[in-house]
C-alpha atoms as a PDB file:
ATOM      1  CA  MET A   1     104.098  -2.219 163.912  1.00  0.00           C
ATOM      2  CA  SER A   2     101.689  -0.150 161.819  1.00  0.00           C
ATOM      3  CA  ASP A   3     101.256  -0.784 158.095  1.00  0.00           C
ATOM      4  CA  ALA A   4     101.681   2.958 157.449  1.00  0.00           C
ATOM      5  CA  VAL A   5     104.796   3.728 155.433  1.00  0.00           C
ATOM      6  CA  VAL A   6     105.426   6.819 157.571  1.00  0.00           C
ATOM      7  CA  LEU A   7     104.669   6.704 161.298  1.00  0.00           C
ATOM      8  CA  ARG A   8     103.800   9.802 163.315  1.00  0.00           C
ATOM      9  CA  GLU A   9     104.307  10.438 167.008  1.00  0.00           C
ATOM     10  CA  ARG A  10     103.864  13.715 168.878  1.00  0.00           C
ATOM     11  CA  ARG A  11     105.908  14.368 172.005  1.00  0.00           C
ATOM     12  CA  GLY A  12     104.821  17.730 173.292  1.00  0.00           C
ATOM     13  CA  ALA A  13     105.718  20.272 170.630  1.00  0.00           C
ATOM     14  CA  VAL A  14     107.945  17.825 168.714  1.00  0.00           C
ATOM     15  CA  GLU A  15     106.658  15.667 165.848  1.00  0.00           C
ATOM     16  CA  ILE A  16     108.572  12.432 165.159  1.00  0.00           C
ATOM     17  CA  LEU A  17     108.248  11.028 161.632  1.00  0.00           C
ATOM     18  CA  THR A  18     109.546   7.506 161.053  1.00  0.00           C
ATOM     19  CA  ILE A  19     109.914   6.045 157.573  1.00  0.00           C
ATOM     20  CA  ASN A  20     108.499   2.570 158.068  1.00  0.00           C
ATOM     21  CA  ARG A  21     109.720  -0.045 155.585  1.00  0.00           C
ATOM     22  CA  PRO A  22     112.272  -1.800 157.802  1.00  0.00           C
ATOM     23  CA  LYS A  23     112.302  -5.031 155.784  1.00  0.00           C
ATOM     24  CA  ALA A  24     113.364  -2.974 152.745  1.00  0.00           C
ATOM     25  CA  LEU A  25     115.750  -0.857 154.872  1.00  0.00           C
ATOM     26  CA  ASN A  26     113.222   1.961 154.411  1.00  0.00           C
ATOM     27  CA  ALA A  27     113.883   2.246 150.676  1.00  0.00           C
ATOM     28  CA  LEU A  28     112.060   5.215 149.185  1.00  0.00           C
ATOM     29  CA  ASN A  29     109.303   4.237 146.793  1.00  0.00           C
ATOM     30  CA  SER A  30     106.513   6.432 145.466  1.00  0.00           C
ATOM     31  CA  ASP A  31     104.225   5.577 148.367  1.00  0.00           C
ATOM     32  CA  VAL A  32     106.804   6.661 150.949  1.00  0.00           C
ATOM     33  CA  LEU A  33     107.705   9.855 149.112  1.00  0.00           C
ATOM     34  CA  ASP A  34     104.058  10.794 148.602  1.00  0.00           C
ATOM     35  CA  ALA A  35     103.149  10.074 152.219  1.00  0.00           C
ATOM     36  CA  LEU A  36     106.155  11.942 153.599  1.00  0.00           C
ATOM     37  CA  GLY A  37     105.543  14.931 151.345  1.00  0.00           C
ATOM     38  CA  GLN A  38     101.858  15.096 152.306  1.00  0.00           C
ATOM     39  CA  ILE A  39     102.584  14.851 156.032  1.00  0.00           C
ATOM     40  CA  LEU A  40     105.257  17.540 155.909  1.00  0.00           C
ATOM     41  CA  GLU A  41     102.959  19.843 153.964  1.00  0.00           C
ATOM     42  CA  SER A  42     100.130  19.220 156.437  1.00  0.00           C
ATOM     43  CA  LEU A  43     102.412  20.183 159.325  1.00  0.00           C
ATOM     44  CA  ARG A  44     102.632  23.707 157.914  1.00  0.00           C
ATOM     45  CA  ALA A  45      99.043  24.192 159.072  1.00  0.00           C
ATOM     46  CA  ASP A  46      99.915  23.530 162.728  1.00  0.00           C
ATOM     47  CA  GLY A  47      99.758  26.659 164.869  1.00  0.00           C
ATOM     48  CA  PRO A  48     102.859  28.029 166.606  1.00  0.00           C
ATOM     49  CA  ASP A  49     101.723  26.553 169.926  1.00  0.00           C
ATOM     50  CA  ALA A  50     101.251  23.088 168.425  1.00  0.00           C
ATOM     51  CA  LEU A  51     104.527  22.398 166.624  1.00  0.00           C
ATOM     52  CA  ARG A  52     108.026  23.639 167.352  1.00  0.00           C
ATOM     53  CA  ALA A  53     110.311  21.027 165.722  1.00  0.00           C
ATOM     54  CA  VAL A  54     110.278  17.819 163.647  1.00  0.00           C
ATOM     55  CA  VAL A  55     112.509  14.755 163.954  1.00  0.00           C
ATOM     56  CA  LEU A  56     112.851  12.516 160.892  1.00  0.00           C
ATOM     57  CA  THR A  57     114.210   8.967 161.211  1.00  0.00           C
ATOM     58  CA  GLY A  58     113.875   5.415 159.894  1.00  0.00           C
ATOM     59  CA  ALA A  59     112.462   2.260 161.456  1.00  0.00           C
ATOM     60  CA  GLY A  60     114.810  -0.580 162.364  1.00  0.00           C
ATOM     61  CA  LYS A  61     118.514  -0.497 161.604  1.00  0.00           C
ATOM     62  CA  ALA A  62     118.515   1.971 158.713  1.00  0.00           C
ATOM     63  CA  PHE A  63     117.596   5.585 158.151  1.00  0.00           C
ATOM     64  CA  VAL A  64     116.983   5.079 154.432  1.00  0.00           C
ATOM     65  CA  ALA A  65     119.202   2.723 152.430  1.00  0.00           C
ATOM     66  CA  GLY A  66     118.284   4.426 149.149  1.00  0.00           C
ATOM     67  CA  ALA A  67     115.515   4.734 146.619  1.00  0.00           C
ATOM     68  CA  ASP A  68     113.566   1.603 145.683  1.00  0.00           C
ATOM     69  CA  ILE A  69     115.532   0.014 142.843  1.00  0.00           C
ATOM     70  CA  ALA A  70     112.732  -2.425 142.053  1.00  0.00           C
ATOM     71  CA  GLU A  71     110.424   0.491 141.291  1.00  0.00           C
ATOM     72  CA  MET A  72     113.029   2.515 139.395  1.00  0.00           C
ATOM     73  CA  GLN A  73     114.330  -0.257 137.162  1.00  0.00           C
ATOM     74  CA  GLY A  74     111.567  -0.057 134.556  1.00  0.00           C
ATOM     75  CA  LEU A  75     111.071   3.719 134.457  1.00  0.00           C
ATOM     76  CA  ASP A  76     111.259   5.645 131.211  1.00  0.00           C
ATOM     77  CA  VAL A  77     112.617   9.194 131.009  1.00  0.00           C
ATOM     78  CA  ALA A  78     109.341  10.926 131.841  1.00  0.00           C
ATOM     79  CA  GLN A  79     108.606   8.564 134.703  1.00  0.00           C
ATOM     80  CA  ALA A  80     112.117   9.011 136.093  1.00  0.00           C
ATOM     81  CA  GLU A  81     111.700  12.783 136.080  1.00  0.00           C
ATOM     82  CA  ALA A  82     108.356  12.439 137.866  1.00  0.00           C
ATOM     83  CA  PHE A  83     109.984  10.176 140.457  1.00  0.00           C
ATOM     84  CA  ALA A  84     112.750  12.731 141.017  1.00  0.00           C
ATOM     85  CA  TRP A  85     110.098  15.423 141.500  1.00  0.00           C
ATOM     86  CA  LYS A  86     108.639  13.380 144.359  1.00  0.00           C
ATOM     87  CA  GLY A  87     111.984  13.516 146.141  1.00  0.00           C
ATOM     88  CA  HIS A  88     112.318  17.231 145.424  1.00  0.00           C
ATOM     89  CA  ARG A  89     108.818  17.777 146.810  1.00  0.00           C
ATOM     90  CA  VAL A  90     109.948  16.324 150.137  1.00  0.00           C
ATOM     91  CA  GLY A  91     112.931  18.680 150.195  1.00  0.00           C
ATOM     92  CA  ALA A  92     110.713  21.647 149.364  1.00  0.00           C
ATOM     93  CA  ALA A  93     108.252  20.670 152.098  1.00  0.00           C
ATOM     94  CA  ILE A  94     111.063  20.516 154.669  1.00  0.00           C
ATOM     95  CA  ALA A  95     112.309  23.934 153.571  1.00  0.00           C
ATOM     96  CA  ALA A  96     108.805  25.420 153.730  1.00  0.00           C
ATOM     97  CA  LEU A  97     108.245  24.436 157.360  1.00  0.00           C
ATOM     98  CA  LYS A  98     108.705  27.308 159.799  1.00  0.00           C
ATOM     99  CA  VAL A  99     110.215  24.892 162.321  1.00  0.00           C
ATOM    100  CA  PRO A 100     113.514  23.024 162.037  1.00  0.00           C
ATOM    101  CA  VAL A 101     113.614  19.426 160.837  1.00  0.00           C
ATOM    102  CA  ILE A 102     116.259  17.274 162.511  1.00  0.00           C
ATOM    103  CA  ALA A 103     117.494  14.129 160.756  1.00  0.00           C
ATOM    104  CA  ALA A 104     118.155  11.279 163.198  1.00  0.00           C
ATOM    105  CA  VAL A 105     120.368   8.992 161.121  1.00  0.00           C
ATOM    106  CA  ASN A 106     120.473   5.643 162.885  1.00  0.00           C
ATOM    107  CA  GLY A 107     122.109   3.501 160.171  1.00  0.00           C
ATOM    108  CA  PHE A 108     122.412   3.526 156.400  1.00  0.00           C
ATOM    109  CA  ALA A 109     121.688   6.859 154.708  1.00  0.00           C
ATOM    110  CA  LEU A 110     122.567   6.018 151.131  1.00  0.00           C
ATOM    111  CA  GLY A 111     121.457   7.506 147.840  1.00  0.00           C
ATOM    112  CA  GLY A 112     118.011   8.972 148.380  1.00  0.00           C
ATOM    113  CA  GLY A 113     118.443   8.496 152.108  1.00  0.00           C
ATOM    114  CA  CYS A 114     121.529  10.677 152.187  1.00  0.00           C
ATOM    115  CA  GLU A 115     119.704  13.226 150.046  1.00  0.00           C
ATOM    116  CA  ILE A 116     116.662  13.347 152.347  1.00  0.00           C
ATOM    117  CA  ALA A 117     118.925  13.652 155.389  1.00  0.00           C
ATOM    118  CA  MET A 118     120.714  16.592 153.756  1.00  0.00           C
ATOM    119  CA  CYS A 119     117.379  18.317 153.188  1.00  0.00           C
ATOM    120  CA  CYS A 120     116.978  18.562 156.957  1.00  0.00           C
ATOM    121  CA  ASP A 121     118.127  21.600 158.904  1.00  0.00           C
ATOM    122  CA  ILE A 122     120.326  19.648 161.332  1.00  0.00           C
ATOM    123  CA  LEU A 123     121.765  16.186 160.694  1.00  0.00           C
ATOM    124  CA  LEU A 124     122.506  14.009 163.724  1.00  0.00           C
ATOM    125  CA  ALA A 125     124.234  10.669 163.219  1.00  0.00           C
ATOM    126  CA  GLY A 126     124.563   7.684 165.514  1.00  0.00           C
ATOM    127  CA  PRO A 127     127.776   5.656 165.863  1.00  0.00           C
ATOM    128  CA  PHE A 128     126.708   3.140 163.205  1.00  0.00           C
ATOM    129  CA  ALA A 129     125.544   5.648 160.587  1.00  0.00           C
ATOM    130  CA  LYS A 130     126.819   5.225 157.030  1.00  0.00           C
ATOM    131  CA  PHE A 131     126.543   7.764 154.226  1.00  0.00           C
ATOM    132  CA  GLY A 132     127.029   7.650 150.484  1.00  0.00           C
ATOM    133  CA  GLN A 133     125.774   8.537 147.023  1.00  0.00           C
ATOM    134  CA  PRO A 134     126.323   5.230 145.193  1.00  0.00           C
ATOM    135  CA  GLU A 135     124.035   5.949 142.235  1.00  0.00           C
ATOM    136  CA  VAL A 136     126.852   5.779 139.664  1.00  0.00           C
ATOM    137  CA  LYS A 137     127.218   2.097 140.525  1.00  0.00           C
ATOM    138  CA  LEU A 138     123.702   1.684 139.082  1.00  0.00           C
ATOM    139  CA  GLY A 139     124.383   3.773 135.985  1.00  0.00           C
ATOM    140  CA  VAL A 140     122.505   6.874 137.175  1.00  0.00           C
ATOM    141  CA  ILE A 141     123.202  10.060 139.127  1.00  0.00           C
ATOM    142  CA  PRO A 142     121.630  11.313 142.361  1.00  0.00           C
ATOM    143  CA  GLY A 143     118.123  12.507 141.576  1.00  0.00           C
ATOM    144  CA  PHE A 144     116.765  13.937 144.839  1.00  0.00           C
ATOM    145  CA  GLY A 145     119.167  16.880 145.059  1.00  0.00           C
ATOM    146  CA  GLY A 146     122.334  15.032 146.021  1.00  0.00           C
ATOM    147  CA  THR A 147     124.718  16.619 143.530  1.00  0.00           C
ATOM    148  CA  GLN A 148     123.703  20.092 144.663  1.00  0.00           C
ATOM    149  CA  ARG A 149     123.129  19.718 148.397  1.00  0.00           C
ATOM    150  CA  LEU A 150     126.248  17.617 148.891  1.00  0.00           C
ATOM    151  CA  SER A 151     128.494  20.118 147.121  1.00  0.00           C
ATOM    152  CA  ARG A 152     127.018  22.927 149.204  1.00  0.00           C
ATOM    153  CA  ARG A 153     127.619  21.019 152.437  1.00  0.00           C
ATOM    154  CA  VAL A 154     131.087  19.580 151.866  1.00  0.00           C
ATOM    155  CA  GLY A 155     132.517  21.429 148.868  1.00  0.00           C
ATOM    156  CA  ILE A 156     132.762  20.507 145.209  1.00  0.00           C
ATOM    157  CA  GLY A 157     135.853  18.297 145.483  1.00  0.00           C
ATOM    158  CA  ARG A 158     134.483  16.123 148.272  1.00  0.00           C
ATOM    159  CA  ALA A 159     131.069  15.950 146.630  1.00  0.00           C
ATOM    160  CA  LEU A 160     132.677  14.754 143.413  1.00  0.00           C
ATOM    161  CA  ASP A 161     134.705  12.215 145.362  1.00  0.00           C
ATOM    162  CA  LEU A 162     131.556  10.677 146.855  1.00  0.00           C
ATOM    163  CA  CYS A 163     129.343  10.970 143.780  1.00  0.00           C
ATOM    164  CA  LEU A 164     131.941   9.706 141.291  1.00  0.00           C
ATOM    165  CA  THR A 165     133.223   6.777 143.341  1.00  0.00           C
ATOM    166  CA  GLY A 166     129.968   5.833 145.032  1.00  0.00           C
ATOM    167  CA  ARG A 167     131.953   4.951 148.147  1.00  0.00           C
ATOM    168  CA  ILE A 168     130.293   4.716 151.554  1.00  0.00           C
ATOM    169  CA  ILE A 169     131.704   6.631 154.515  1.00  0.00           C
ATOM    170  CA  ASP A 170     131.268   6.194 158.253  1.00  0.00           C
ATOM    171  CA  VAL A 171     130.010   8.730 160.748  1.00  0.00           C
ATOM    172  CA  ASP A 172     133.473   9.994 161.675  1.00  0.00           C
ATOM    173  CA  GLU A 173     134.373  10.868 158.094  1.00  0.00           C
ATOM    174  CA  ALA A 174     130.918  12.346 157.555  1.00  0.00           C
ATOM    175  CA  LEU A 175     131.450  14.538 160.600  1.00  0.00           C
ATOM    176  CA  ALA A 176     134.960  15.523 159.544  1.00  0.00           C
ATOM    177  CA  ILE A 177     133.867  16.733 156.104  1.00  0.00           C
ATOM    178  CA  GLY A 178     130.729  18.480 157.349  1.00  0.00           C
ATOM    179  CA  LEU A 179     128.151  16.073 155.954  1.00  0.00           C
ATOM    180  CA  ALA A 180     126.921  15.217 159.476  1.00  0.00           C
ATOM    181  CA  ASP A 181     126.493  18.008 162.001  1.00  0.00           C
ATOM    182  CA  ARG A 182     126.849  16.028 165.215  1.00  0.00           C
ATOM    183  CA  LYS A 183     127.698  12.495 166.323  1.00  0.00           C
ATOM    184  CA  VAL A 184     125.324  11.250 169.012  1.00  0.00           C
ATOM    185  CA  SER A 185     124.692   8.078 170.983  1.00  0.00           C
ATOM    186  CA  GLU A 186     122.996   4.878 169.825  1.00  0.00           C
ATOM    187  CA  ASP A 187     119.732   6.446 171.006  1.00  0.00           C
ATOM    188  CA  VAL A 188     119.735   8.716 167.983  1.00  0.00           C
ATOM    189  CA  VAL A 189     116.036   9.544 168.134  1.00  0.00           C
ATOM    190  CA  GLY A 190     116.191  10.269 171.858  1.00  0.00           C
ATOM    191  CA  ASP A 191     119.120  12.624 171.325  1.00  0.00           C
ATOM    192  CA  ALA A 192     117.331  14.269 168.394  1.00  0.00           C
ATOM    193  CA  VAL A 193     114.227  14.814 170.524  1.00  0.00           C
ATOM    194  CA  LYS A 194     116.337  16.397 173.275  1.00  0.00           C
ATOM    195  CA  LEU A 195     117.816  18.778 170.719  1.00  0.00           C
ATOM    196  CA  ALA A 196     114.343  19.476 169.313  1.00  0.00           C
ATOM    197  CA  GLU A 197     113.093  20.285 172.801  1.00  0.00           C
ATOM    198  CA  LEU A 198     115.911  22.802 173.249  1.00  0.00           C
ATOM    199  CA  VAL A 199     114.756  24.477 170.041  1.00  0.00           C
ATOM    200  CA  ALA A 200     111.106  24.241 171.115  1.00  0.00           C
ATOM    201  CA  ALA A 201     111.826  26.273 174.244  1.00  0.00           C
ATOM    202  CA  ASN A 202     112.899  29.269 172.147  1.00  0.00           C
ATOM    203  CA  GLY A 203     110.879  31.967 170.441  1.00  0.00           C
ATOM    204  CA  PRO A 204     109.097  30.350 167.445  1.00  0.00           C
ATOM    205  CA  VAL A 205     109.190  33.496 165.305  1.00  0.00           C
ATOM    206  CA  ALA A 206     112.912  33.899 165.920  1.00  0.00           C
ATOM    207  CA  VAL A 207     113.502  30.219 165.129  1.00  0.00           C
ATOM    208  CA  ASP A 208     111.548  30.615 161.881  1.00  0.00           C
ATOM    209  CA  TYR A 209     113.549  33.716 160.952  1.00  0.00           C
ATOM    210  CA  VAL A 210     116.888  32.022 161.684  1.00  0.00           C
ATOM    211  CA  LYS A 211     115.983  29.052 159.480  1.00  0.00           C
ATOM    212  CA  ARG A 212     114.714  31.375 156.753  1.00  0.00           C
ATOM    213  CA  VAL A 213     117.661  33.749 156.580  1.00  0.00           C
ATOM    214  CA  VAL A 214     120.387  31.102 156.899  1.00  0.00           C
ATOM    215  CA  HIS A 215     119.005  29.007 154.046  1.00  0.00           C
ATOM    216  CA  ALA A 216     117.823  31.827 151.792  1.00  0.00           C
ATOM    217  CA  GLN A 217     121.048  33.809 151.997  1.00  0.00           C
ATOM    218  CA  ALA A 218     123.577  30.961 152.025  1.00  0.00           C
ATOM    219  CA  ASP A 219     124.781  31.756 148.495  1.00  0.00           C
ATOM    220  CA  SER A 220     124.124  35.505 148.530  1.00  0.00           C
ATOM    221  CA  ASP A 221     126.602  38.352 148.486  1.00  0.00           C
ATOM    222  CA  LEU A 222     127.515  39.100 152.111  1.00  0.00           C
ATOM    223  CA  SER A 223     126.182  42.661 152.014  1.00  0.00           C
ATOM    224  CA  LEU A 224     122.806  41.451 150.717  1.00  0.00           C
ATOM    225  CA  ALA A 225     122.727  38.658 153.266  1.00  0.00           C
ATOM    226  CA  LEU A 226     123.462  41.073 156.110  1.00  0.00           C
ATOM    227  CA  ALA A 227     120.675  43.350 154.875  1.00  0.00           C
ATOM    228  CA  ALA A 228     118.273  40.412 155.020  1.00  0.00           C
ATOM    229  CA  GLU A 229     119.436  39.666 158.560  1.00  0.00           C
ATOM    230  CA  ARG A 230     118.919  43.279 159.636  1.00  0.00           C
ATOM    231  CA  ASP A 231     115.404  43.225 158.215  1.00  0.00           C
ATOM    232  CA  LEU A 232     114.367  40.085 160.081  1.00  0.00           C
ATOM    233  CA  PHE A 233     116.104  41.244 163.271  1.00  0.00           C
ATOM    234  CA  ALA A 234     114.087  44.453 163.160  1.00  0.00           C
ATOM    235  CA  ARG A 235     110.864  42.599 162.399  1.00  0.00           C
ATOM    236  CA  CYS A 236     111.301  40.581 165.603  1.00  0.00           C
ATOM    237  CA  PHE A 237     110.514  43.791 167.494  1.00  0.00           C
ATOM    238  CA  GLU A 238     106.949  43.847 166.214  1.00  0.00           C
ATOM    239  CA  THR A 239     106.258  40.461 167.847  1.00  0.00           C
ATOM    240  CA  THR A 240     104.890  39.604 171.266  1.00  0.00           C
ATOM    241  CA  ASP A 241     107.594  36.918 171.480  1.00  0.00           C
ATOM    242  CA  GLN A 242     110.289  39.616 171.594  1.00  0.00           C
ATOM    243  CA  LYS A 243     108.473  41.505 174.345  1.00  0.00           C
ATOM    244  CA  GLU A 244     107.858  38.321 176.320  1.00  0.00           C
ATOM    245  CA  GLY A 245     111.383  36.981 175.851  1.00  0.00           C
ATOM    246  CA  MET A 246     113.101  40.146 177.027  1.00  0.00           C
ATOM    247  CA  ALA A 247     110.651  40.712 179.877  1.00  0.00           C
ATOM    248  CA  ALA A 248     111.177  37.144 181.053  1.00  0.00           C
ATOM    249  CA  PHE A 249     114.956  37.554 180.895  1.00  0.00           C
ATOM    250  CA  LEU A 250     114.875  40.712 183.014  1.00  0.00           C
ATOM    251  CA  ALA A 251     112.447  39.108 185.471  1.00  0.00           C
ATOM    252  CA  LYS A 252     114.626  35.962 185.664  1.00  0.00           C
ATOM    253  CA  ARG A 253     111.757  33.638 184.737  1.00  0.00           C
ATOM    254  CA  PRO A 254     111.129  31.210 181.858  1.00  0.00           C
ATOM    255  CA  ALA A 255     109.585  32.819 178.807  1.00  0.00           C
ATOM    256  CA  ALA A 256     106.101  31.778 177.690  1.00  0.00           C
ATOM    257  CA  PHE A 257     106.362  32.143 173.920  1.00  0.00           C
ATOM    258  CA  THR A 258     103.271  31.981 171.705  1.00  0.00           C
ATOM    259  CA  GLY A 259     104.802  32.328 168.250  1.00  0.00           C
ATOM    260  CA  ARG A 260     103.244  35.728 167.664  1.00  0.00           C
END
């Protein structure tokens, strides 16, 4: 096993990122957050032919069991804010990617782990996945976006339930409330890669536009959101991907998209 805190593997057009602190259940310290943020930002430079989707997971039996309490314990106010910014940077880097990021949650996704998973565009969970925001049990609140992303995913009442009690829920409850998007097999990464490959076969510009408009307009007035959709729909028709995709459909052959 590499000493790198984040491992990288490329399978075709899919990049697999694995948080690699299994002895600490992949707890997020500054080194992990910095490395993950830098890698995600570097992936923005990949051309449309090089990268079509990202899978994010954790080494061993956990996705991420939380932020590193040993590092956080002695922080002062300014240092705590800086630490929170590191987590927010990861979320911003995921949002900035033009390709979807799929969370492959293979075990505990608690605290910062749940928050990082929620940053992803699609959240897949294996049968042994566990979710929670237990920060109140430590005398703090979620600091990597949990109070806001959780309420947007599951509603204010359910978010308050989880954030105020700190209770941990299993994959079935997470799926029922909308925290997880899909329950998959024990081969969580393999299933995530299969999903990523389905995405990778589609038009990259269209995939980028779908990700962009869904996230950007999630809280907008419906008429404004529909206007944004119309704009991006129309802009697809200036791309070679649109011409190739429709020509391939009519010719009954696979499309050869280039992301242009």
